[in-house]
Amino acid sequence: MKKVIIWLAVAMMGATVNAAPMRVAILDFEDDTGMGSDAKLGGLISPESLAGKGVYFLQKDLLGDENIALIDRRDFIQQIEALQYRDGADPDKHNFLRDQSRDTPTKPSFIQAAQALRADVVLRGALVSFSTGKQMVNQGGYQADFSKVTVRVMIQALDAVDGGVVAVADGSASDKFRQTEAMSTILGEDDVLNLLDLAIRKAVPELETALAKRLEQQKGRPTVKLSISTDADPALIEIDGILVGSSPIEGLDVYKGDHVLAVGKPGYQDVTKRILLEQDTKITVPMLSTQLNAEQLNDILQKMRLNVYSGIEPALVVETQSE
C-alpha cells in the first residue's frame, strides 16, 4: 500500500462488471401532478394515493421480462434506512447534521443502497398528469356531454453507479364516458387504477428497449472501488453532482475516469476536487471548520503545509492499491 498526496488527480485501477440479466431496483412512484382530488370525478380519487399504487403495477409489468431481475423493494428500502442510521442507534440522537440551527438526519441517496444489493439500474416513476376534460357532441338535434379522464406516467431509469439518467419512458391511457341529465357517472378507484395500469404497460416496452441497449453499451465498462472518509464524519458526499451518501463510504463503485468529488457539512468549508480514477482508492478529506478562531486556524494551516503543493485548501490524503 502506498500513500500519495494530491491536489487534482488521483490514479486508480479498473474492474469490469457484467450483468445479465440486469438487476433492477424500484425506488418510488411519486405524484407530480401538483393537484388535489378532482371534483369532476366526485372528489373520490387522490392523485397522491393513485401514484402510490404505481410501484406495484410497474413490478407486475416487469416480471415477465427475462432480461430483468427485480430486486425485492422491501430489501431496497431497508438498505436505504440502514445506511441512514448505520450504527443502529436511536435516529433521534445519532448521525445528525446541523442545518440552519435545526438537527436534520443525514440522508444517503439510493446509490449506496443499490450497490449494496448489486443493482444495475434504479427505477423512479411519477404520475405526471391526472386530468379530466369535457366534450359536447351534437347527436341528431340534441347535445350529449362526454367526459374524458386521462392518466399519464413517466418512468426514469438511473444508473446505479453514477446516478445518471439512462432511460426515460412515458405512457398514457384515457377513458371517455357519457354524461346526461338522467345519468351522471362518477369513476371509482378501480376504474382509475385500470387506467394507471394501462399507462404503465404502455411505457414499459420503451423502457425495456432502452435498458437492453444500455446493458449492451455498459458491458466491459470498467469501474473502481472508492472509499471516502473525513475527519468530521458524517459529511455529505457528491460525485459529479450526484449525492451518493454520507461519509464514511466504503467500496463505492465508480466508473473509471475523470470525476468531481464534493464534500460538505454545515459548519465546515466545502471541499471540491477533480479526480482521475484509475485504481481502487481510499480518500481521506481534511475538513476546516468555519467557526475556528484565528489561533486555531493558524495552527491547522501550519500542520497542513507538509501536505499541500500550493494554495491554502487542504489536500486529499489518498491511498491507492497497487499490485
Protein backbone atom coordinates (compact mmCIF):
# COMPACT_ATOMS: atom_id res chain seq x y z
CA MET A 1 0.00 0.00 0.00
CA LYS A 2 1.44 3.38 -0.93
CA LYS A 3 0.23 6.80 0.14
CA VAL A 4 0.06 9.75 -2.22
CA ILE A 5 -0.80 13.40 -1.51
CA ILE A 6 -2.67 15.09 -4.39
CA TRP A 7 -4.48 18.26 -5.40
CA LEU A 8 -6.44 17.50 -8.50
CA ALA A 9 -5.75 13.99 -9.80
CA VAL A 10 -5.97 10.54 -8.26
CA ALA A 11 -4.85 7.40 -10.12
CA MET A 12 -6.96 4.24 -9.80
CA MET A 13 -7.33 0.71 -11.23
CA GLY A 14 -10.37 -0.52 -13.18
CA ALA A 15 -12.59 -3.55 -12.75
CA THR A 16 -15.14 -4.85 -15.22
CA VAL A 17 -18.73 -5.52 -14.32
CA ASN A 18 -21.06 -7.56 -16.48
CA ALA A 19 -24.67 -8.11 -15.54
CA ALA A 20 -27.06 -10.49 -17.25
CA PRO A 21 -29.89 -10.28 -16.62
CA MET A 22 -29.94 -6.65 -15.49
CA ARG A 23 -30.66 -6.27 -11.77
CA VAL A 24 -33.32 -3.60 -11.26
CA ALA A 25 -34.49 -1.89 -8.07
CA ILE A 26 -37.61 0.28 -7.87
CA LEU A 27 -37.25 3.30 -5.61
CA ASP A 28 -40.61 5.06 -5.69
CA PHE A 29 -43.60 6.25 -7.71
CA GLU A 30 -44.50 9.82 -6.89
CA ASP A 31 -47.32 12.26 -7.53
CA ASP A 32 -46.00 15.07 -9.74
CA THR A 33 -49.41 16.42 -10.74
CA GLY A 34 -49.44 19.12 -8.09
CA MET A 35 -53.20 18.82 -7.73
CA GLY A 36 -55.75 17.58 -5.24
CA SER A 37 -58.74 15.35 -5.79
CA ASP A 38 -60.69 16.28 -8.94
CA ALA A 39 -64.20 17.49 -8.19
CA LYS A 40 -65.26 16.35 -11.67
CA LEU A 41 -64.57 12.80 -10.55
CA GLY A 42 -66.59 13.23 -7.40
CA GLY A 43 -63.51 14.12 -5.35
CA LEU A 44 -63.02 10.45 -4.55
CA ILE A 45 -59.61 9.84 -6.15
CA SER A 46 -56.45 11.34 -4.66
CA PRO A 47 -53.57 11.67 -7.16
CA GLU A 48 -51.09 11.05 -4.36
CA SER A 49 -52.83 7.81 -3.37
CA LEU A 50 -53.09 6.80 -7.02
CA ALA A 51 -49.38 7.37 -7.62
CA GLY A 52 -48.52 5.23 -4.60
CA LYS A 53 -50.04 2.21 -6.37
CA GLY A 54 -47.76 2.69 -9.37
CA VAL A 55 -44.91 0.69 -7.83
CA TYR A 56 -47.00 -2.47 -7.79
CA PHE A 57 -48.16 -2.16 -11.40
CA LEU A 58 -44.60 -1.44 -12.53
CA GLN A 59 -43.34 -4.54 -10.72
CA LYS A 60 -46.09 -6.64 -12.30
CA ASP A 61 -45.32 -5.44 -15.82
CA LEU A 62 -41.57 -6.02 -15.49
CA LEU A 63 -41.81 -9.53 -14.04
CA GLY A 64 -42.26 -11.16 -17.42
CA ASP A 65 -39.03 -9.77 -18.88
CA GLU A 66 -36.35 -12.47 -18.82
CA ASN A 67 -33.65 -9.81 -19.20
CA ILE A 68 -34.62 -8.13 -15.92
CA ALA A 69 -34.16 -9.47 -12.39
CA LEU A 70 -36.25 -7.43 -9.95
CA ILE A 71 -34.79 -6.76 -6.50
CA ASP A 72 -37.27 -7.06 -3.64
CA ARG A 73 -38.26 -3.45 -2.94
CA ARG A 74 -38.55 -4.14 0.77
CA ASP A 75 -34.88 -5.12 0.85
CA PHE A 76 -34.01 -1.98 -1.08
CA ILE A 77 -35.87 0.36 1.27
CA GLN A 78 -34.47 -1.42 4.33
CA GLN A 79 -30.98 -1.00 2.95
CA ILE A 80 -31.54 2.74 2.49
CA GLU A 81 -32.82 3.02 6.06
CA ALA A 82 -29.87 1.02 7.36
CA LEU A 83 -27.48 3.41 5.63
CA GLN A 84 -29.22 6.42 7.11
CA TYR A 85 -28.58 5.11 10.60
CA ARG A 86 -25.75 2.68 10.03
CA ASP A 87 -24.83 2.34 13.71
CA GLY A 88 -28.35 1.10 14.52
CA ALA A 89 -28.70 3.74 17.23
CA ASP A 90 -31.65 5.94 18.05
CA PRO A 91 -32.12 8.15 14.96
CA ASP A 92 -33.24 10.98 17.26
CA LYS A 93 -29.79 11.08 18.88
CA HIS A 94 -27.22 9.87 16.35
CA ASN A 95 -25.91 10.54 12.85
CA PHE A 96 -27.28 14.04 12.53
CA LEU A 97 -26.06 17.07 10.65
CA ARG A 98 -26.92 20.62 11.65
CA ASP A 99 -28.85 22.66 9.10
CA GLN A 100 -29.62 26.30 9.95
CA SER A 101 -29.59 25.52 13.68
CA ARG A 102 -32.00 22.60 13.18
CA ASP A 103 -30.99 18.98 13.59
CA THR A 104 -31.67 17.02 10.41
CA PRO A 105 -30.75 13.37 9.71
CA THR A 106 -28.15 12.58 7.09
CA LYS A 107 -29.91 11.13 4.08
CA PRO A 108 -27.72 9.00 1.84
CA SER A 109 -29.01 8.67 -1.69
CA PHE A 110 -30.19 5.47 -3.29
CA ILE A 111 -26.81 4.76 -4.90
CA GLN A 112 -25.12 3.14 -1.91
CA ALA A 113 -28.18 1.01 -1.20
CA ALA A 114 -28.44 -0.05 -4.86
CA GLN A 115 -24.80 -1.04 -5.00
CA ALA A 116 -25.06 -2.97 -1.73
CA LEU A 117 -27.77 -5.07 -3.41
CA ARG A 118 -25.77 -5.32 -6.68
CA ALA A 119 -28.37 -3.38 -8.66
CA ASP A 120 -27.52 -2.16 -12.15
CA VAL A 121 -30.41 0.27 -12.52
CA VAL A 122 -32.82 2.08 -10.20
CA LEU A 123 -36.29 2.98 -11.46
CA ARG A 124 -38.30 6.01 -10.39
CA GLY A 125 -41.85 6.53 -11.55
CA ALA A 126 -44.13 9.54 -11.49
CA LEU A 127 -47.79 10.30 -12.12
CA VAL A 128 -47.38 13.44 -14.24
CA SER A 129 -51.00 14.02 -15.23
CA PHE A 130 -54.41 13.01 -13.94
CA SER A 131 -56.92 15.18 -15.72
CA THR A 132 -60.49 15.37 -16.89
CA GLY A 133 -61.87 17.03 -19.99
CA LYS A 134 -65.32 17.64 -21.44
CA GLN A 135 -66.57 17.25 -24.98
CA MET A 136 -70.01 18.27 -26.31
CA VAL A 137 -71.33 16.28 -29.27
CA ASN A 138 -74.40 17.13 -31.37
CA GLN A 139 -76.30 13.89 -31.93
CA GLY A 140 -79.38 14.19 -34.14
CA GLY A 141 -80.51 17.56 -32.88
CA TYR A 142 -79.62 17.16 -29.22
CA GLN A 143 -76.33 17.58 -27.44
CA ALA A 144 -74.55 14.94 -25.40
CA ASP A 145 -71.73 15.62 -22.96
CA PHE A 146 -68.78 13.27 -22.82
CA SER A 147 -66.22 13.42 -20.03
CA LYS A 148 -62.67 12.17 -20.66
CA VAL A 149 -60.21 11.04 -17.99
CA THR A 150 -56.51 10.79 -18.84
CA VAL A 151 -53.68 9.32 -16.79
CA ARG A 152 -50.07 9.94 -17.90
CA VAL A 153 -46.99 8.44 -16.26
CA MET A 154 -43.24 8.80 -16.63
CA ILE A 155 -40.63 6.18 -15.70
CA GLN A 156 -36.99 7.14 -15.26
CA ALA A 157 -34.08 4.69 -15.11
CA LEU A 158 -30.97 5.80 -13.20
CA ASP A 159 -27.54 4.20 -13.38
CA ALA A 160 -26.71 2.58 -10.04
CA VAL A 161 -23.04 3.53 -10.45
CA ASP A 162 -23.18 7.27 -11.04
CA GLY A 163 -26.88 8.14 -10.76
CA GLY A 164 -27.03 9.32 -14.36
CA VAL A 165 -30.28 9.06 -16.33
CA VAL A 166 -30.02 6.12 -18.73
CA ALA A 167 -33.61 5.92 -19.96
CA VAL A 168 -36.93 7.76 -19.78
CA ALA A 169 -40.25 6.37 -20.95
CA ASP A 170 -43.81 7.64 -20.71
CA GLY A 171 -47.27 6.27 -21.33
CA SER A 172 -50.85 7.49 -21.14
CA ALA A 173 -54.32 5.98 -21.03
CA SER A 174 -57.75 7.58 -21.38
CA ASP A 175 -61.39 6.67 -20.91
CA LYS A 176 -64.48 8.51 -22.16
CA PHE A 177 -67.94 8.29 -20.63
CA ARG A 178 -71.26 9.95 -21.36
CA GLN A 179 -72.97 12.36 -19.00
CA THR A 180 -76.69 13.17 -19.31
CA GLU A 181 -79.36 14.71 -17.13
CA ALA A 182 -80.64 11.23 -16.40
CA MET A 183 -77.25 9.64 -15.80
CA SER A 184 -74.15 11.01 -14.13
CA THR A 185 -71.05 8.81 -13.91
CA ILE A 186 -68.55 9.07 -11.07
CA LEU A 187 -65.46 6.96 -11.56
CA GLY A 188 -64.40 4.71 -8.71
CA GLU A 189 -60.85 3.89 -7.63
CA ASP A 190 -60.80 0.62 -9.61
CA ASP A 191 -61.67 2.47 -12.82
CA VAL A 192 -58.78 4.90 -12.40
CA LEU A 193 -56.36 2.16 -11.28
CA ASN A 194 -57.10 0.33 -14.52
CA LEU A 195 -56.08 3.45 -16.42
CA LEU A 196 -52.88 3.74 -14.36
CA ASP A 197 -52.08 0.09 -15.07
CA LEU A 198 -52.64 0.60 -18.80
CA ALA A 199 -50.49 3.76 -18.88
CA ILE A 200 -47.59 1.95 -17.20
CA ARG A 201 -47.96 -1.04 -19.54
CA LYS A 202 -47.63 1.33 -22.50
CA ALA A 203 -44.45 2.83 -21.05
CA VAL A 204 -42.72 -0.43 -20.15
CA PRO A 205 -41.79 -1.65 -23.69
CA GLU A 206 -39.97 1.62 -24.42
CA LEU A 207 -38.22 1.33 -21.07
CA GLU A 208 -37.21 -2.29 -21.66
CA THR A 209 -35.78 -1.46 -25.08
CA ALA A 210 -33.72 1.41 -23.67
CA LEU A 211 -32.45 -0.71 -20.78
CA ALA A 212 -31.42 -3.56 -23.10
CA LYS A 213 -29.48 -1.09 -25.23
CA ARG A 214 -27.88 0.42 -22.15
CA LEU A 215 -26.87 -3.01 -20.84
CA GLU A 216 -25.13 -3.83 -24.09
CA GLN A 217 -23.27 -0.50 -24.04
CA GLN A 218 -22.18 -0.92 -20.44
CA LYS A 219 -20.70 -4.39 -20.87
CA GLY A 220 -16.99 -4.12 -20.31
CA ARG A 221 -17.01 -0.56 -18.98
CA PRO A 222 -14.52 -0.59 -16.09
CA THR A 223 -15.30 0.57 -12.57
CA VAL A 224 -13.19 1.15 -9.48
CA LYS A 225 -13.87 0.87 -5.75
CA LEU A 226 -13.87 4.20 -3.98
CA SER A 227 -13.86 4.69 -0.19
CA ILE A 228 -14.19 8.17 1.31
CA SER A 229 -13.90 9.38 4.89
CA THR A 230 -13.37 12.75 6.53
CA ASP A 231 -12.10 13.92 9.89
CA ALA A 232 -15.60 15.29 10.59
CA ASP A 233 -17.86 12.32 9.74
CA PRO A 234 -20.68 12.23 8.81
CA ALA A 235 -20.36 14.62 5.86
CA LEU A 236 -22.37 14.60 2.64
CA ILE A 237 -20.54 13.23 -0.40
CA GLU A 238 -21.33 14.13 -4.01
CA ILE A 239 -19.71 12.71 -7.12
CA ASP A 240 -20.37 14.57 -10.37
CA GLY A 241 -23.19 16.45 -8.68
CA ILE A 242 -24.96 13.28 -7.51
CA LEU A 243 -25.44 12.72 -3.78
CA VAL A 244 -24.01 9.26 -3.14
CA GLY A 245 -24.35 9.24 0.62
CA SER A 246 -22.71 10.37 3.84
CA SER A 247 -19.20 9.56 4.99
CA PRO A 248 -17.68 7.19 5.73
CA ILE A 249 -18.33 5.42 2.42
CA GLU A 250 -16.74 2.05 1.76
CA GLY A 251 -16.27 0.29 -1.60
CA LEU A 252 -18.50 2.51 -3.75
CA ASP A 253 -18.43 1.52 -7.44
CA VAL A 254 -17.44 4.45 -9.64
CA TYR A 255 -16.72 4.43 -13.36
CA LYS A 256 -13.05 4.66 -14.22
CA GLY A 257 -12.14 8.13 -15.44
CA ASP A 258 -12.46 11.79 -14.56
CA HIS A 259 -14.88 12.87 -11.80
CA VAL A 260 -15.62 15.79 -9.48
CA LEU A 261 -15.72 14.99 -5.77
CA ALA A 262 -17.54 17.39 -3.44
CA VAL A 263 -17.73 17.11 0.36
CA GLY A 264 -19.87 19.32 2.54
CA LYS A 265 -21.07 19.68 6.08
CA PRO A 266 -22.70 22.63 7.87
CA GLY A 267 -20.11 24.45 9.93
CA TYR A 268 -17.22 23.38 7.66
CA GLN A 269 -15.74 24.67 4.44
CA ASP A 270 -16.95 22.79 1.35
CA VAL A 271 -14.26 20.80 -0.45
CA THR A 272 -14.46 20.25 -4.21
CA LYS A 273 -11.75 18.39 -6.17
CA ARG A 274 -11.42 16.99 -9.68
CA ILE A 275 -10.06 13.46 -9.58
CA LEU A 276 -8.92 10.91 -12.16
CA LEU A 277 -9.92 7.43 -11.02
CA GLU A 278 -7.83 4.53 -12.33
CA GLN A 279 -7.27 2.34 -9.25
CA ASP A 280 -9.23 1.16 -6.23
CA THR A 281 -8.68 4.02 -3.81
CA LYS A 282 -9.35 5.28 -0.32
CA ILE A 283 -9.58 9.05 0.19
CA THR A 284 -9.45 10.96 3.46
CA VAL A 285 -10.76 14.52 3.23
CA PRO A 286 -9.49 17.01 5.86
CA MET A 287 -12.25 19.43 6.88
CA LEU A 288 -11.80 23.04 8.01
CA SER A 289 -14.31 24.40 10.50
CA THR A 290 -15.76 27.81 9.66
CA GLN A 291 -16.00 28.54 13.39
CA LEU A 292 -12.30 28.38 14.22
CA ASN A 293 -10.65 31.35 15.85
CA ALA A 294 -7.52 32.86 14.31
CA GLU A 295 -5.12 30.89 16.55
CA GLN A 296 -6.78 27.52 15.77
CA LEU A 297 -6.85 28.28 12.04
CA ASN A 298 -3.17 29.24 12.02
CA ASP A 299 -2.25 26.04 13.88
CA ILE A 300 -4.12 23.88 11.35
CA LEU A 301 -2.59 25.70 8.36
CA GLN A 302 0.89 25.19 9.81
CA LYS A 303 0.28 21.43 10.12
CA MET A 304 -1.15 21.24 6.60
CA ARG A 305 1.85 22.78 4.86
CA LEU A 306 3.56 19.41 4.51
CA ASN A 307 0.51 18.01 2.74
CA VAL A 308 -0.02 20.59 0.01
CA TYR A 309 1.83 21.85 -3.02
CA SER A 310 0.12 25.25 -3.36
CA GLY A 311 -2.88 27.25 -2.20
CA ILE A 312 -4.49 27.19 1.23
CA GLU A 313 -7.08 24.39 0.88
CA PRO A 314 -6.29 21.02 2.49
CA ALA A 315 -5.03 18.30 0.16
CA LEU A 316 -6.77 14.97 -0.16
CA VAL A 317 -4.93 12.11 1.51
CA VAL A 318 -5.14 9.16 -0.86
CA GLU A 319 -4.24 5.52 -0.52
CA THR A 320 -4.13 3.52 -3.75
CA GLN A 321 -3.95 -0.25 -4.02
CA SER A 322 -1.09 -1.46 -6.18
CA GLU A 323 -0.36 -4.97 -7.33
